[in-house]
Amino acid sequence: MPGFQHTSVIAATPEQVWAVVVDVERWPERIPTVDSVERLDAGPLVVGSRTRLKQPRLAPSVLTVTEMTDGVSFTWVSTSSGVTVTAGHVVEPHPDGSRLTLSLTMSGLMAGIGWLLTKSMTRRYVETEAASIKKVAEAA
């Protein structure tokens, strides 16, 4: 299964980092690789929550939260054109504050081709997302 994982150490408490990670509606103002976010249901992110996400150079996708440990992690999944994309967000305590791990994997019939076409952009987007979350959390 093609994929990528990026880990950052952030000089902020896990609670501060989590607050930024889970506030997906503010991602467009905080993360340059996110054009728009539209929550498709009300309330906090929970298993089953759906969100429409638009990123530069990618088709809009609807992501559904499939796993959630409040204050620690969430995973959401989108499926389109024979590719399932799974994105994970994990915040853990670290001696210097927090450790943020972002991951993305692709599966499905067209995953190999999808990964070949988007691998370098995906790496840049995940690294930019991590750097942006770090900047916002450390400024809090």
Foldseek 3Di string as FASTA:
>chain_A
DDKDKDKDDAQFALQLLLVLVQPVQCCCVQFVQWPGKDWPDDDGQDQQTWIWTDGPPDDIWIWGWHDDDPSFKTWIWTDDDFKIKIWIWGWAQDPNHIMIMIMIAIDGDCRVVVCVVCVVVVVVRVVRSVVSSRVSSNVD
